[in-house]
Amino acid sequence: MKIPHRYRSDFAKHAGTVNAHHLSRVFDSVPARLSRAVEGGAARYTFKDVIPNSRRYRDLAGSIDWLVATGLVIRTMLVDDPSLPFAAHWKESMFKLHLLDIGLLHHMLGVPAVSILSQSWGSYKGYVAENYAATALRAAGVDDLYTWTGRASEIEFLLASAHGAVPVEIKSGRRAGRAKSLSVYREKYAPRVSVKVSAGQYHRDNDVVHLPLYAVGDLPHLLDL
């Protein structure tokens, strides 16, 4: 489903030198690309088929930067090395995009209200939970969001704290089970603190904090960021 008409009108009104049509195409593409796996398992943003005959980051960079600057999308930067500072390990073309609001995300995915209320929204549920976490962390004051990917694993968010790099894995269900990616990350990097976010209740299991999804915005306070 395309973006609402009012957003499209604002693109044309405020975009300036940035092509408003390109803005619409990039913005429209965000929900689908949240659900696309790439080599290695991380659902990073891909450029193919967003704009005809444009396959490279530099072809879309202006549109992406404009959407990020206006707050319409959140850029989560992808690193393969979780050493601090994260920015030293980020390549400009490696990132994921999240929408500013999960209500808008539901609309663009065409998810009916009855499915949301019954929590029967299929394969997109995990990406909606991830997008919600991105908006909650940004609202809580985390200006720069990072994600980590390994060969076949992905940690949705990395947070810098006094404890070093803190991996945050997002699970959409109440019974999230074993967090495989988090286990891989912990075995490889041995973080002092790890966070597993799900629809379950808060508890702590040694150095792993289990946090309910609705409270993910409290993470900066809990970690003293």
Protein backbone atom coordinates (compact mmCIF):
# COMPACT_ATOMS: atom_id res chain seq x y z
CA MET A 1 0.00 0.00 0.00
CA LYS A 2 1.30 3.43 -0.93
CA ILE A 3 1.93 6.22 1.53
CA PRO A 4 -0.99 8.55 2.42
CA HIS A 5 -1.64 11.41 0.01
CA ARG A 6 -0.74 14.10 2.59
CA TYR A 7 2.78 12.73 2.96
CA ARG A 8 3.22 12.68 -0.79
CA SER A 9 1.99 16.28 -1.00
CA ASP A 10 4.51 17.34 1.65
CA PHE A 11 7.31 15.72 -0.31
CA ALA A 12 6.49 17.84 -3.31
CA LYS A 13 6.08 20.97 -1.16
CA HIS A 14 9.21 20.78 1.00
CA ALA A 15 11.71 18.61 -0.85
CA GLY A 16 13.48 21.48 -2.57
CA THR A 17 16.25 20.18 -4.81
CA VAL A 18 15.56 16.54 -3.87
CA ASN A 19 13.37 14.71 -6.36
CA ALA A 20 9.94 14.31 -4.69
CA HIS A 21 9.21 11.22 -6.77
CA HIS A 22 12.41 9.61 -5.51
CA LEU A 23 11.45 10.47 -1.93
CA SER A 24 8.11 8.72 -2.38
CA ARG A 25 9.75 5.64 -3.89
CA VAL A 26 12.29 5.36 -1.07
CA PHE A 27 9.67 5.94 1.62
CA ASP A 28 7.30 3.42 0.02
CA SER A 29 10.06 0.80 -0.04
CA VAL A 30 10.86 0.82 3.68
CA PRO A 31 8.25 -1.74 4.92
CA ALA A 32 9.11 -4.36 2.29
CA ARG A 33 12.83 -3.95 2.81
CA LEU A 34 12.48 -4.45 6.55
CA SER A 35 11.37 -7.97 5.75
CA ARG A 36 14.05 -8.84 3.21
CA ALA A 37 16.98 -10.94 4.29
CA VAL A 38 20.34 -10.39 2.66
CA GLU A 39 23.40 -12.57 2.63
CA GLY A 40 24.37 -13.17 6.24
CA GLY A 41 20.80 -12.83 7.52
CA ALA A 42 20.58 -9.10 8.25
CA ALA A 43 17.60 -7.28 6.80
CA ARG A 44 19.54 -4.21 5.71
CA TYR A 45 18.26 -1.69 3.21
CA THR A 46 18.90 -2.68 -0.40
CA PHE A 47 18.84 -0.30 -3.34
CA LYS A 48 17.81 -2.55 -6.21
CA ASP A 49 14.48 -1.70 -7.86
CA VAL A 50 13.69 1.26 -5.58
CA ILE A 51 14.22 3.71 -8.44
CA PRO A 52 14.48 2.40 -12.03
CA ASN A 53 18.07 2.08 -13.23
CA SER A 54 19.41 3.02 -9.78
CA ARG A 55 21.21 0.28 -7.89
CA ARG A 56 23.82 2.20 -5.90
CA TYR A 57 23.69 4.05 -2.61
CA ARG A 58 24.85 7.31 -4.15
CA ASP A 59 21.80 7.27 -6.45
CA LEU A 60 19.49 7.32 -3.42
CA ALA A 61 21.68 9.06 -0.85
CA GLY A 62 20.03 12.48 -1.22
CA SER A 63 16.54 11.08 -0.75
CA ILE A 64 17.55 8.91 2.20
CA ASP A 65 19.40 11.76 3.92
CA TRP A 66 16.38 14.06 3.46
CA LEU A 67 13.98 11.52 4.97
CA VAL A 68 16.34 10.94 7.91
CA ALA A 69 16.84 14.67 8.50
CA THR A 70 13.09 15.30 8.58
CA GLY A 71 12.53 12.45 11.04
CA LEU A 72 10.28 10.49 8.70
CA VAL A 73 12.61 7.50 8.80
CA ILE A 74 15.14 6.30 11.36
CA ARG A 75 18.49 5.06 10.06
CA THR A 76 19.96 2.18 12.05
CA MET A 77 23.58 1.75 11.07
CA LEU A 78 24.95 -1.74 10.52
CA VAL A 79 28.35 -2.80 11.84
CA ASP A 80 30.17 -6.13 11.79
CA ASP A 81 32.45 -5.17 14.69
CA PRO A 82 30.73 -4.12 17.95
CA SER A 83 33.80 -2.39 19.37
CA LEU A 84 33.34 1.14 20.67
CA PRO A 85 32.98 3.63 19.14
CA PHE A 86 30.47 2.02 16.80
CA ALA A 87 30.77 4.83 14.26
CA ALA A 88 34.33 3.77 13.48
CA HIS A 89 33.03 0.46 12.11
CA TRP A 90 30.12 1.73 10.01
CA LYS A 91 30.16 1.96 6.23
CA GLU A 92 27.93 4.70 4.83
CA SER A 93 25.90 2.38 2.60
CA MET A 94 25.23 -0.23 5.31
CA PHE A 95 22.06 0.46 7.29
CA LYS A 96 18.44 -0.39 7.90
CA LEU A 97 15.56 2.07 7.71
CA HIS A 98 12.60 2.15 10.09
CA LEU A 99 9.51 4.31 9.85
CA LEU A 100 8.74 7.10 12.31
CA ASP A 101 5.51 5.43 13.47
CA ILE A 102 4.26 1.84 13.61
CA GLY A 103 0.69 2.95 12.90
CA LEU A 104 1.92 4.25 9.56
CA LEU A 105 3.87 1.02 9.09
CA HIS A 106 0.69 -1.02 9.63
CA HIS A 107 -1.14 1.16 7.11
CA MET A 108 1.57 0.76 4.48
CA LEU A 109 1.63 -3.01 5.04
CA GLY A 110 -2.14 -3.14 4.65
CA VAL A 111 -2.61 -4.81 8.05
CA PRO A 112 -6.30 -4.58 9.08
CA ALA A 113 -7.21 -3.40 12.58
CA VAL A 114 -8.76 -6.76 13.47
CA SER A 115 -5.43 -8.50 12.81
CA ILE A 116 -3.58 -6.03 15.02
CA LEU A 117 -6.05 -6.49 17.88
CA SER A 118 -5.89 -10.28 17.61
CA GLN A 119 -2.09 -10.22 17.14
CA SER A 120 -2.42 -12.41 14.05
CA TRP A 121 -0.39 -10.30 11.68
CA GLY A 122 1.77 -13.07 10.25
CA SER A 123 5.41 -12.78 9.26
CA TYR A 124 5.56 -9.00 9.65
CA LYS A 125 5.10 -9.16 13.41
CA GLY A 126 8.82 -9.33 14.11
CA TYR A 127 9.59 -6.32 11.92
CA VAL A 128 6.84 -4.28 13.55
CA ALA A 129 8.32 -5.07 16.98
CA GLU A 130 11.76 -4.05 15.75
CA ASN A 131 10.39 -0.82 14.26
CA TYR A 132 8.59 -0.05 17.52
CA ALA A 133 11.83 -0.55 19.45
CA ALA A 134 13.65 1.83 17.11
CA THR A 135 11.04 4.57 17.65
CA ALA A 136 11.03 4.01 21.42
CA LEU A 137 14.81 4.20 21.71
CA ARG A 138 14.94 7.32 19.56
CA ALA A 139 12.21 8.94 21.69
CA ALA A 140 14.20 8.03 24.80
CA GLY A 141 17.15 10.06 23.56
CA VAL A 142 19.32 7.51 21.75
CA ASP A 143 20.35 9.64 18.78
CA ASP A 144 22.40 7.08 16.85
CA LEU A 145 21.13 3.52 16.51
CA TYR A 146 23.36 0.62 15.48
CA THR A 147 22.76 -3.00 14.58
CA TRP A 148 25.22 -5.89 14.37
CA THR A 149 25.32 -8.71 11.87
CA GLY A 150 27.42 -11.85 11.82
CA ARG A 151 27.62 -14.61 9.25
CA ALA A 152 24.14 -15.95 10.06
CA SER A 153 23.10 -13.85 13.03
CA GLU A 154 21.72 -10.41 13.72
CA ILE A 155 21.42 -8.31 16.86
CA GLU A 156 18.75 -5.70 16.24
CA PHE A 157 20.36 -2.95 18.33
CA LEU A 158 23.69 -2.16 19.96
CA LEU A 159 23.82 0.42 22.73
CA ALA A 160 26.97 2.04 24.10
CA SER A 161 27.09 2.18 27.90
CA ALA A 162 29.42 2.17 30.87
CA HIS A 163 29.23 -1.63 30.53
CA GLY A 164 30.63 -1.43 27.01
CA ALA A 165 28.61 -2.51 23.98
CA VAL A 166 25.21 -3.87 25.05
CA PRO A 167 23.47 -6.18 22.53
CA VAL A 168 19.68 -5.89 22.38
CA GLU A 169 17.78 -8.66 20.62
CA ILE A 170 14.11 -8.09 19.80
CA LYS A 171 11.59 -10.95 19.84
CA SER A 172 7.95 -10.31 19.04
CA GLY A 173 6.34 -13.23 20.86
CA ARG A 174 5.62 -13.92 24.51
CA ARG A 175 7.43 -17.23 24.34
CA ALA A 176 10.50 -16.06 22.54
CA GLY A 177 12.47 -19.21 23.27
CA ARG A 178 16.22 -19.38 22.84
CA ALA A 179 17.66 -16.21 21.31
CA LYS A 180 20.07 -17.84 18.87
CA SER A 181 21.64 -14.64 17.58
CA LEU A 182 22.15 -13.35 21.09
CA SER A 183 23.81 -16.63 22.07
CA VAL A 184 26.15 -16.39 19.08
CA TYR A 185 27.02 -12.81 19.96
CA ARG A 186 27.62 -13.60 23.64
CA GLU A 187 29.84 -16.55 22.82
CA LYS A 188 31.91 -14.42 20.45
CA TYR A 189 32.18 -11.15 22.38
CA ALA A 190 31.29 -11.98 26.03
CA PRO A 191 29.44 -8.72 26.79
CA ARG A 192 29.04 -7.77 30.46
CA VAL A 193 25.32 -7.12 29.96
CA SER A 194 22.89 -8.37 27.29
CA VAL A 195 19.23 -7.56 26.75
CA LYS A 196 16.48 -9.78 25.36
CA VAL A 197 13.26 -7.91 24.57
CA SER A 198 10.02 -9.84 24.11
CA ALA A 199 6.33 -9.82 25.03
CA GLY A 200 7.20 -11.60 28.28
CA GLN A 201 7.74 -10.24 31.78
CA TYR A 202 10.77 -8.48 33.21
CA HIS A 203 13.36 -10.66 34.92
CA ARG A 204 17.11 -11.04 35.06
CA ASP A 205 19.08 -14.18 34.37
CA ASN A 206 22.63 -13.48 35.51
CA ASP A 207 24.01 -11.02 32.92
CA VAL A 208 20.95 -11.20 30.62
CA VAL A 209 18.15 -8.71 31.20
CA HIS A 210 14.74 -9.86 29.94
CA LEU A 211 12.64 -6.79 29.19
CA PRO A 212 9.02 -6.52 27.98
CA LEU A 213 8.68 -4.82 24.61
CA TYR A 214 6.54 -2.00 25.98
CA ALA A 215 9.40 -0.99 28.30
CA VAL A 216 12.17 -0.87 25.71
CA GLY A 217 12.20 2.92 25.98
CA ASP A 218 13.42 2.53 29.56
CA LEU A 219 16.66 0.90 28.43
CA PRO A 220 18.73 4.12 28.43
CA HIS A 221 17.72 4.67 32.07
CA LEU A 222 18.35 1.05 33.06
CA LEU A 223 21.78 1.10 31.44
CA ASP A 224 22.59 4.64 32.65
CA LEU A 225 23.15 5.90 29.12
